[in-house]
Amino acid sequence: DVVIDTVGADIPDRSWQVLRRGGVFVTIAARLADDAGAKHGV
């Protein structure tokens, strides 16, 4: 349901596939594009 990233690097790109649709990705360590979640349904 939720991924929380405290690492950064390639973690966001690798995490999209483990989230269910409608899930939440929160990072304290990476910069995300404004639409990063939308194209993955999260």
All heavy atoms as atom14 arrays in JSON, in Angstrom:
{
  "sequence": "DVVIDTVGADIPDRSWQVLRRGGVFVTIAARLADDAGAKHGV",
  "atom14_mask": [
    [1, 1, 1, 1, 1, 1, 1, 1, 0, 0, 0, 0, 0, 0],
    [1, 1, 1, 1, 1, 1, 1, 0, 0, 0, 0, 0, 0, 0],
    [1, 1, 1, 1, 1, 1, 1, 0, 0, 0, 0, 0, 0, 0],
    [1, 1, 1, 1, 1, 1, 1, 1, 0, 0, 0, 0, 0, 0],
    [1, 1, 1, 1, 1, 1, 1, 1, 0, 0, 0, 0, 0, 0],
    [1, 1, 1, 1, 1, 1, 1, 0, 0, 0, 0, 0, 0, 0],
    [1, 1, 1, 1, 1, 1, 1, 0, 0, 0, 0, 0, 0, 0],
    [1, 1, 1, 1, 0, 0, 0, 0, 0, 0, 0, 0, 0, 0],
    [1, 1, 1, 1, 1, 0, 0, 0, 0, 0, 0, 0, 0, 0],
    [1, 1, 1, 1, 1, 1, 1, 1, 0, 0, 0, 0, 0, 0],
    [1, 1, 1, 1, 1, 1, 1, 1, 0, 0, 0, 0, 0, 0],
    [1, 1, 1, 1, 1, 1, 1, 0, 0, 0, 0, 0, 0, 0],
    [1, 1, 1, 1, 1, 1, 1, 1, 0, 0, 0, 0, 0, 0],
    [1, 1, 1, 1, 1, 1, 1, 1, 1, 1, 1, 0, 0, 0],
    [1, 1, 1, 1, 1, 1, 0, 0, 0, 0, 0, 0, 0, 0],
    [1, 1, 1, 1, 1, 1, 1, 1, 1, 1, 1, 1, 1, 1],
    [1, 1, 1, 1, 1, 1, 1, 1, 1, 0, 0, 0, 0, 0],
    [1, 1, 1, 1, 1, 1, 1, 0, 0, 0, 0, 0, 0, 0],
    [1, 1, 1, 1, 1, 1, 1, 1, 0, 0, 0, 0, 0, 0],
    [1, 1, 1, 1, 1, 1, 1, 1, 1, 1, 1, 0, 0, 0],
    [1, 1, 1, 1, 1, 1, 1, 1, 1, 1, 1, 0, 0, 0],
    [1, 1, 1, 1, 0, 0, 0, 0, 0, 0, 0, 0, 0, 0],
    [1, 1, 1, 1, 0, 0, 0, 0, 0, 0, 0, 0, 0, 0],
    [1, 1, 1, 1, 1, 1, 1, 0, 0, 0, 0, 0, 0, 0],
    [1, 1, 1, 1, 1, 1, 1, 1, 1, 1, 1, 0, 0, 0],
    [1, 1, 1, 1, 1, 1, 1, 0, 0, 0, 0, 0, 0, 0],
    [1, 1, 1, 1, 1, 1, 1, 0, 0, 0, 0, 0, 0, 0],
    [1, 1, 1, 1, 1, 1, 1, 1, 0, 0, 0, 0, 0, 0],
    [1, 1, 1, 1, 1, 0, 0, 0, 0, 0, 0, 0, 0, 0],
    [1, 1, 1, 1, 1, 0, 0, 0, 0, 0, 0, 0, 0, 0],
    [1, 1, 1, 1, 1, 1, 1, 1, 1, 1, 1, 0, 0, 0],
    [1, 1, 1, 1, 1, 1, 1, 1, 0, 0, 0, 0, 0, 0],
    [1, 1, 1, 1, 1, 0, 0, 0, 0, 0, 0, 0, 0, 0],
    [1, 1, 1, 1, 1, 1, 1, 1, 0, 0, 0, 0, 0, 0],
    [1, 1, 1, 1, 1, 1, 1, 1, 0, 0, 0, 0, 0, 0],
    [1, 1, 1, 1, 1, 0, 0, 0, 0, 0, 0, 0, 0, 0],
    [1, 1, 1, 1, 0, 0, 0, 0, 0, 0, 0, 0, 0, 0],
    [1, 1, 1, 1, 1, 0, 0, 0, 0, 0, 0, 0, 0, 0],
    [1, 1, 1, 1, 1, 1, 1, 1, 1, 0, 0, 0, 0, 0],
    [1, 1, 1, 1, 1, 1, 1, 1, 1, 1, 0, 0, 0, 0],
    [1, 1, 1, 1, 0, 0, 0, 0, 0, 0, 0, 0, 0, 0],
    [1, 1, 1, 1, 1, 1, 1, 0, 0, 0, 0, 0, 0, 0]
  ],
  "atom14_positions": [
    [[0.82, -1.21, 0.0], [0.0, 0.0, 0.0], [0.85, 1.26, 0.0], [0.48, 2.27, -0.59], [-0.91, 0.02, 1.24], [-1.87, -1.15, 1.24], [-2.75, -1.19, 0.37], [-1.71, -2.05, 2.1], [0.0, 0.0, 0.0], [0.0, 0.0, 0.0], [0.0, 0.0, 0.0], [0.0, 0.0, 0.0], [0.0, 0.0, 0.0], [0.0, 0.0, 0.0]],
    [[2.0, 1.19, 0.69], [2.86, 2.35, 0.86], [4.32, 1.93, 0.74], [4.71, 0.91, 1.3], [2.64, 3.02, 2.25], [3.59, 4.2, 2.45], [1.19, 3.44, 2.44], [0.0, 0.0, 0.0], [0.0, 0.0, 0.0], [0.0, 0.0, 0.0], [0.0, 0.0, 0.0], [0.0, 0.0, 0.0], [0.0, 0.0, 0.0], [0.0, 0.0, 0.0]],
    [[5.11, 2.74, 0.04], [6.56, 2.61, 0.04], [7.13, 3.91, 0.59], [6.75, 4.98, 0.13], [7.13, 2.36, -1.37], [8.66, 2.42, -1.36], [6.65, 1.02, -1.93], [0.0, 0.0, 0.0], [0.0, 0.0, 0.0], [0.0, 0.0, 0.0], [0.0, 0.0, 0.0], [0.0, 0.0, 0.0], [0.0, 0.0, 0.0], [0.0, 0.0, 0.0]],
    [[8.02, 3.79, 1.57], [8.72, 4.97, 2.07], [10.21, 4.77, 1.8], [10.81, 3.8, 2.25], [8.44, 5.23, 3.56], [6.94, 5.51, 3.73], [9.3, 6.4, 4.06], [6.5, 5.91, 5.09], [0.0, 0.0, 0.0], [0.0, 0.0, 0.0], [0.0, 0.0, 0.0], [0.0, 0.0, 0.0], [0.0, 0.0, 0.0], [0.0, 0.0, 0.0]],
    [[10.76, 5.7, 1.05], [12.15, 5.64, 0.58], [13.02, 6.6, 1.37], [12.83, 7.8, 1.31], [12.17, 6.01, -0.91], [13.56, 6.3, -1.43], [14.53, 5.71, -0.94], [13.67, 7.14, -2.35], [0.0, 0.0, 0.0], [0.0, 0.0, 0.0], [0.0, 0.0, 0.0], [0.0, 0.0, 0.0], [0.0, 0.0, 0.0], [0.0, 0.0, 0.0]],
    [[14.0, 6.05, 2.09], [14.98, 6.88, 2.78], [16.35, 6.76, 2.14], [17.33, 7.24, 2.69], [15.09, 6.51, 4.28], [15.75, 5.25, 4.41], [13.74, 6.47, 4.96], [0.0, 0.0, 0.0], [0.0, 0.0, 0.0], [0.0, 0.0, 0.0], [0.0, 0.0, 0.0], [0.0, 0.0, 0.0], [0.0, 0.0, 0.0], [0.0, 0.0, 0.0]],
    [[16.42, 6.13, 0.96], [17.69, 5.83, 0.31], [17.94, 6.67, -0.94], [19.03, 7.18, -1.15], [17.77, 4.32, -0.05], [19.05, 4.0, -0.8], [17.62, 3.47, 1.19], [0.0, 0.0, 0.0], [0.0, 0.0, 0.0], [0.0, 0.0, 0.0], [0.0, 0.0, 0.0], [0.0, 0.0, 0.0], [0.0, 0.0, 0.0], [0.0, 0.0, 0.0]],
    [[16.96, 6.81, -1.81], [17.13, 7.54, -3.07], [17.75, 6.66, -4.13], [17.44, 5.48, -4.24], [0.0, 0.0, 0.0], [0.0, 0.0, 0.0], [0.0, 0.0, 0.0], [0.0, 0.0, 0.0], [0.0, 0.0, 0.0], [0.0, 0.0, 0.0], [0.0, 0.0, 0.0], [0.0, 0.0, 0.0], [0.0, 0.0, 0.0], [0.0, 0.0, 0.0]],
    [[18.63, 7.25, -4.94], [19.29, 6.57, -6.08], [18.23, 5.96, -7.0], [17.34, 6.66, -7.45], [20.3, 5.56, -5.58], [0.0, 0.0, 0.0], [0.0, 0.0, 0.0], [0.0, 0.0, 0.0], [0.0, 0.0, 0.0], [0.0, 0.0, 0.0], [0.0, 0.0, 0.0], [0.0, 0.0, 0.0], [0.0, 0.0, 0.0], [0.0, 0.0, 0.0]],
    [[18.29, 4.65, -7.25], [17.36, 4.02, -8.18], [16.12, 3.45, -7.49], [15.29, 2.8, -8.13], [18.07, 2.92, -8.98], [18.55, 1.77, -8.1], [18.58, 1.91, -6.87], [18.91, 0.71, -8.67], [0.0, 0.0, 0.0], [0.0, 0.0, 0.0], [0.0, 0.0, 0.0], [0.0, 0.0, 0.0], [0.0, 0.0, 0.0], [0.0, 0.0, 0.0]],
    [[15.98, 3.68, -6.2], [14.86, 3.11, -5.44], [13.49, 3.53, -5.99], [12.62, 2.67, -6.14], [14.98, 3.45, -3.93], [16.2, 2.76, -3.33], [13.71, 3.1, -3.17], [16.19, 1.24, -3.37], [0.0, 0.0, 0.0], [0.0, 0.0, 0.0], [0.0, 0.0, 0.0], [0.0, 0.0, 0.0], [0.0, 0.0, 0.0], [0.0, 0.0, 0.0]],
    [[13.26, 4.8, -6.34], [11.94, 5.12, -6.9], [11.62, 4.31, -8.15], [10.54, 3.7, -8.23], [12.03, 6.62, -7.21], [13.04, 7.13, -6.23], [14.05, 6.02, -6.12], [0.0, 0.0, 0.0], [0.0, 0.0, 0.0], [0.0, 0.0, 0.0], [0.0, 0.0, 0.0], [0.0, 0.0, 0.0], [0.0, 0.0, 0.0], [0.0, 0.0, 0.0]],
    [[12.52, 4.25, -9.09], [12.26, 3.52, -10.33], [11.99, 2.04, -10.08], [11.17, 1.43, -10.76], [13.44, 3.66, -11.3], [13.55, 5.07, -11.86], [12.53, 5.78, -11.91], [14.67, 5.46, -12.24], [0.0, 0.0, 0.0], [0.0, 0.0, 0.0], [0.0, 0.0, 0.0], [0.0, 0.0, 0.0], [0.0, 0.0, 0.0], [0.0, 0.0, 0.0]],
    [[12.64, 1.47, -9.12], [12.45, 0.05, -8.81], [11.21, -0.2, -7.95], [10.74, -1.34, -7.86], [13.69, -0.48, -8.11], [14.92, -0.48, -9.01], [16.19, -0.8, -8.26], [16.1, -2.06, -7.55], [16.79, -2.33, -6.44], [17.62, -1.44, -5.93], [16.66, -3.5, -5.85], [0.0, 0.0, 0.0], [0.0, 0.0, 0.0], [0.0, 0.0, 0.0]],
    [[10.69, 0.84, -7.3], [9.57, 0.67, -6.37], [8.2, 0.71, -7.02], [7.24, 0.19, -6.46], [9.63, 1.74, -5.27], [10.75, 1.54, -4.45], [0.0, 0.0, 0.0], [0.0, 0.0, 0.0], [0.0, 0.0, 0.0], [0.0, 0.0, 0.0], [0.0, 0.0, 0.0], [0.0, 0.0, 0.0], [0.0, 0.0, 0.0], [0.0, 0.0, 0.0]],
    [[8.07, 1.34, -8.16], [6.74, 1.49, -8.77], [6.03, 0.15, -8.91], [4.83, 0.03, -8.66], [6.82, 2.18, -10.13], [7.47, 3.51, -10.11], [8.54, 3.91, -10.87], [7.12, 4.67, -9.32], [8.88, 5.21, -10.6], [8.02, 5.71, -9.65], [6.14, 4.9, -8.37], [7.96, 6.96, -9.05], [6.09, 6.16, -7.76], [6.99, 7.17, -8.11]],
    [[6.78, -0.86, -9.33], [6.17, -2.16, -9.62], [5.71, -2.92, -8.38], [4.93, -3.87, -8.51], [7.13, -3.01, -10.44], [8.43, -3.32, -9.73], [9.47, -3.9, -10.65], [9.21, -4.93, -11.27], [10.61, -3.26, -10.77], [0.0, 0.0, 0.0], [0.0, 0.0, 0.0], [0.0, 0.0, 0.0], [0.0, 0.0, 0.0], [0.0, 0.0, 0.0]],
    [[6.15, -2.54, -7.19], [5.72, -3.27, -5.99], [4.48, -2.65, -5.35], [3.87, -3.25, -4.47], [6.86, -3.39, -4.95], [8.1, -4.01, -5.58], [7.17, -2.08, -4.28], [0.0, 0.0, 0.0], [0.0, 0.0, 0.0], [0.0, 0.0, 0.0], [0.0, 0.0, 0.0], [0.0, 0.0, 0.0], [0.0, 0.0, 0.0], [0.0, 0.0, 0.0]],
    [[4.12, -1.45, -5.79], [2.94, -0.76, -5.23], [1.66, -1.23, -5.91], [1.63, -1.41, -7.13], [3.07, 0.75, -5.44], [3.88, 1.5, -4.41], [4.35, 2.84, -4.97], [3.07, 1.7, -3.13], [0.0, 0.0, 0.0], [0.0, 0.0, 0.0], [0.0, 0.0, 0.0], [0.0, 0.0, 0.0], [0.0, 0.0, 0.0], [0.0, 0.0, 0.0]],
    [[0.61, -1.37, -5.13], [-0.7, -1.66, -5.71], [-1.23, -0.38, -6.36], [-0.8, 0.72, -5.99], [-1.67, -2.16, -4.65], [-2.01, -1.1, -3.61], [-3.24, -1.48, -2.8], [-3.52, -0.47, -1.82], [-4.1, 0.72, -2.06], [-4.44, 1.05, -3.28], [-4.32, 1.59, -1.09], [0.0, 0.0, 0.0], [0.0, 0.0, 0.0], [0.0, 0.0, 0.0]],
    [[-2.13, -0.5, -7.3], [-2.76, 0.69, -7.89], [-3.44, 1.48, -6.78], [-4.08, 0.91, -5.92], [-3.78, 0.3, -8.95], [-3.13, 0.05, -10.29], [-4.11, 0.02, -11.43], [-4.47, 1.25, -12.08], [-3.66, 2.11, -12.68], [-2.38, 1.91, -12.65], [-4.13, 3.17, -13.31], [0.0, 0.0, 0.0], [0.0, 0.0, 0.0], [0.0, 0.0, 0.0]],
    [[-3.25, 2.78, -6.8], [-3.81, 3.63, -5.75], [-2.92, 3.73, -4.52], [-3.27, 4.41, -3.56], [0.0, 0.0, 0.0], [0.0, 0.0, 0.0], [0.0, 0.0, 0.0], [0.0, 0.0, 0.0], [0.0, 0.0, 0.0], [0.0, 0.0, 0.0], [0.0, 0.0, 0.0], [0.0, 0.0, 0.0], [0.0, 0.0, 0.0], [0.0, 0.0, 0.0]],
    [[-1.76, 3.08, -4.55], [-0.84, 3.12, -3.42], [-0.14, 4.47, -3.3], [-0.4, 5.4, -4.09], [0.0, 0.0, 0.0], [0.0, 0.0, 0.0], [0.0, 0.0, 0.0], [0.0, 0.0, 0.0], [0.0, 0.0, 0.0], [0.0, 0.0, 0.0], [0.0, 0.0, 0.0], [0.0, 0.0, 0.0], [0.0, 0.0, 0.0], [0.0, 0.0, 0.0]],
    [[0.74, 4.57, -2.33], [1.43, 5.83, -2.03], [2.93, 5.59, -1.98], [3.4, 4.65, -1.31], [0.96, 6.41, -0.68], [1.71, 7.7, -0.36], [-0.54, 6.64, -0.68], [0.0, 0.0, 0.0], [0.0, 0.0, 0.0], [0.0, 0.0, 0.0], [0.0, 0.0, 0.0], [0.0, 0.0, 0.0], [0.0, 0.0, 0.0], [0.0, 0.0, 0.0]],
    [[3.69, 6.45, -2.67], [5.15, 6.43, -2.62], [5.6, 7.75, -2.02], [5.25, 8.81, -2.51], [5.75, 6.26, -4.02], [7.25, 6.26, -4.02], [7.95, 5.08, -3.8], [7.96, 7.42, -4.24], [9.34, 5.08, -3.78], [9.35, 7.43, -4.23], [10.04, 6.26, -4.0], [0.0, 0.0, 0.0], [0.0, 0.0, 0.0], [0.0, 0.0, 0.0]],
    [[6.38, 7.67, -0.93], [6.92, 8.86, -0.27], [8.43, 8.72, -0.22], [8.95, 7.7, 0.24], [6.36, 9.02, 1.17], [6.97, 10.25, 1.83], [4.85, 9.11, 1.16], [0.0, 0.0, 0.0], [0.0, 0.0, 0.0], [0.0, 0.0, 0.0], [0.0, 0.0, 0.0], [0.0, 0.0, 0.0], [0.0, 0.0, 0.0], [0.0, 0.0, 0.0]],
    [[9.13, 9.75, -0.67], [10.59, 9.73, -0.6], [11.1, 10.93, 0.17], [10.59, 12.04, 0.02], [11.25, 9.68, -2.0], [12.67, 9.6, -1.82], [10.91, 10.89, -2.84], [0.0, 0.0, 0.0], [0.0, 0.0, 0.0], [0.0, 0.0, 0.0], [0.0, 0.0, 0.0], [0.0, 0.0, 0.0], [0.0, 0.0, 0.0], [0.0, 0.0, 0.0]],
    [[12.11, 10.67, 0.99], [12.81, 11.76, 1.67], [14.19, 11.93, 1.06], [14.95, 12.79, 1.49], [12.92, 11.52, 3.18], [13.79, 10.31, 3.47], [11.56, 11.38, 3.82], [14.32, 10.25, 4.87], [0.0, 0.0, 0.0], [0.0, 0.0, 0.0], [0.0, 0.0, 0.0], [0.0, 0.0, 0.0], [0.0, 0.0, 0.0], [0.0, 0.0, 0.0]],
    [[14.51, 11.08, 0.05], [15.87, 11.03, -0.44], [16.03, 11.26, -1.94], [17.14, 11.27, -2.44], [16.49, 9.68, -0.08], [0.0, 0.0, 0.0], [0.0, 0.0, 0.0], [0.0, 0.0, 0.0], [0.0, 0.0, 0.0], [0.0, 0.0, 0.0], [0.0, 0.0, 0.0], [0.0, 0.0, 0.0], [0.0, 0.0, 0.0], [0.0, 0.0, 0.0]],
    [[14.93, 11.43, -2.66], [15.02, 11.57, -4.11], [14.12, 12.71, -4.57], [13.2, 13.12, -3.86], [14.6, 10.27, -4.8], [0.0, 0.0, 0.0], [0.0, 0.0, 0.0], [0.0, 0.0, 0.0], [0.0, 0.0, 0.0], [0.0, 0.0, 0.0], [0.0, 0.0, 0.0], [0.0, 0.0, 0.0], [0.0, 0.0, 0.0], [0.0, 0.0, 0.0]],
    [[14.4, 13.2, -5.75], [13.52, 14.19, -6.38], [12.65, 13.46, -7.38], [13.14, 12.63, -8.14], [14.34, 15.25, -7.09], [15.1, 16.14, -6.15], [15.62, 17.37, -6.89], [16.41, 18.2, -6.03], [15.91, 19.2, -5.31], [14.63, 19.48, -5.38], [16.7, 19.92, -4.55], [0.0, 0.0, 0.0], [0.0, 0.0, 0.0], [0.0, 0.0, 0.0]],
    [[11.38, 13.79, -7.37], [10.44, 13.14, -8.26], [9.88, 14.15, -9.25], [9.65, 15.31, -8.89], [9.27, 12.55, -7.48], [9.6, 11.47, -6.44], [8.35, 11.12, -5.66], [10.17, 10.24, -7.12], [0.0, 0.0, 0.0], [0.0, 0.0, 0.0], [0.0, 0.0, 0.0], [0.0, 0.0, 0.0], [0.0, 0.0, 0.0], [0.0, 0.0, 0.0]],
    [[9.61, 13.69, -10.46], [8.89, 14.52, -11.42], [7.47, 14.7, -10.89], [6.94, 13.85, -10.17], [8.86, 13.83, -12.78], [0.0, 0.0, 0.0], [0.0, 0.0, 0.0], [0.0, 0.0, 0.0], [0.0, 0.0, 0.0], [0.0, 0.0, 0.0], [0.0, 0.0, 0.0], [0.0, 0.0, 0.0], [0.0, 0.0, 0.0], [0.0, 0.0, 0.0]],
    [[6.84, 15.81, -11.24], [5.49, 16.1, -10.75], [4.5, 14.99, -11.08], [3.58, 14.72, -10.32], [4.99, 17.42, -11.33], [5.73, 18.62, -10.76], [6.35, 18.48, -9.68], [5.69, 19.69, -11.39], [0.0, 0.0, 0.0], [0.0, 0.0, 0.0], [0.0, 0.0, 0.0], [0.0, 0.0, 0.0], [0.0, 0.0, 0.0], [0.0, 0.0, 0.0]],
    [[4.68, 14.33, -12.21], [3.74, 13.29, -12.63], [4.27, 11.88, -12.38], [3.73, 10.91, -12.91], [3.42, 13.45, -14.11], [4.64, 13.24, -15.0], [5.78, 13.25, -14.48], [4.46, 13.04, -16.21], [0.0, 0.0, 0.0], [0.0, 0.0, 0.0], [0.0, 0.0, 0.0], [0.0, 0.0, 0.0], [0.0, 0.0, 0.0], [0.0, 0.0, 0.0]],
    [[5.3, 11.73, -11.57], [5.94, 10.43, -11.36], [4.95, 9.36, -10.94], [4.98, 8.24, -11.45], [7.06, 10.55, -10.33], [0.0, 0.0, 0.0], [0.0, 0.0, 0.0], [0.0, 0.0, 0.0], [0.0, 0.0, 0.0], [0.0, 0.0, 0.0], [0.0, 0.0, 0.0], [0.0, 0.0, 0.0], [0.0, 0.0, 0.0], [0.0, 0.0, 0.0]],
    [[4.08, 9.66, -10.03], [3.13, 8.66, -9.56], [2.0, 8.4, -10.53], [1.55, 7.26, -10.67], [0.0, 0.0, 0.0], [0.0, 0.0, 0.0], [0.0, 0.0, 0.0], [0.0, 0.0, 0.0], [0.0, 0.0, 0.0], [0.0, 0.0, 0.0], [0.0, 0.0, 0.0], [0.0, 0.0, 0.0], [0.0, 0.0, 0.0], [0.0, 0.0, 0.0]],
    [[1.55, 9.44, -11.21], [0.38, 9.31, -12.09], [0.57, 8.24, -13.16], [-0.33, 7.45, -13.42], [0.06, 10.66, -12.74], [0.0, 0.0, 0.0], [0.0, 0.0, 0.0], [0.0, 0.0, 0.0], [0.0, 0.0, 0.0], [0.0, 0.0, 0.0], [0.0, 0.0, 0.0], [0.0, 0.0, 0.0], [0.0, 0.0, 0.0], [0.0, 0.0, 0.0]],
    [[1.73, 8.2, -13.74], [1.93, 7.22, -14.81], [2.04, 5.79, -14.29], [2.04, 4.85, -15.07], [3.13, 7.6, -15.68], [4.44, 7.74, -14.99], [5.48, 8.25, -15.99], [6.75, 8.69, -15.28], [7.72, 9.25, -16.2], [0.0, 0.0, 0.0], [0.0, 0.0, 0.0], [0.0, 0.0, 0.0], [0.0, 0.0, 0.0], [0.0, 0.0, 0.0]],
    [[2.09, 5.65, -12.97], [2.13, 4.31, -12.36], [0.86, 4.0, -11.56], [0.79, 2.96, -10.91], [3.36, 4.19, -11.45], [4.64, 4.41, -12.18], [5.2, 3.48, -13.02], [5.46, 5.49, -12.22], [6.3, 3.96, -13.54], [6.49, 5.17, -13.08], [0.0, 0.0, 0.0], [0.0, 0.0, 0.0], [0.0, 0.0, 0.0], [0.0, 0.0, 0.0]],
    [[-0.09, 4.91, -11.59], [-1.34, 4.7, -10.88], [-1.24, 4.82, -9.37], [-2.04, 4.22, -8.65], [0.0, 0.0, 0.0], [0.0, 0.0, 0.0], [0.0, 0.0, 0.0], [0.0, 0.0, 0.0], [0.0, 0.0, 0.0], [0.0, 0.0, 0.0], [0.0, 0.0, 0.0], [0.0, 0.0, 0.0], [0.0, 0.0, 0.0], [0.0, 0.0, 0.0]],
    [[-0.27, 5.61, -8.9], [-0.09, 5.8, -7.46], [0.1, 7.29, -7.17], [0.37, 8.08, -8.06], [1.14, 5.01, -6.93], [0.98, 3.53, -7.19], [2.44, 5.52, -7.52], [0.0, 0.0, 0.0], [0.0, 0.0, 0.0], [0.0, 0.0, 0.0], [0.0, 0.0, 0.0], [0.0, 0.0, 0.0], [0.0, 0.0, 0.0], [0.0, 0.0, 0.0]]
  ]
}
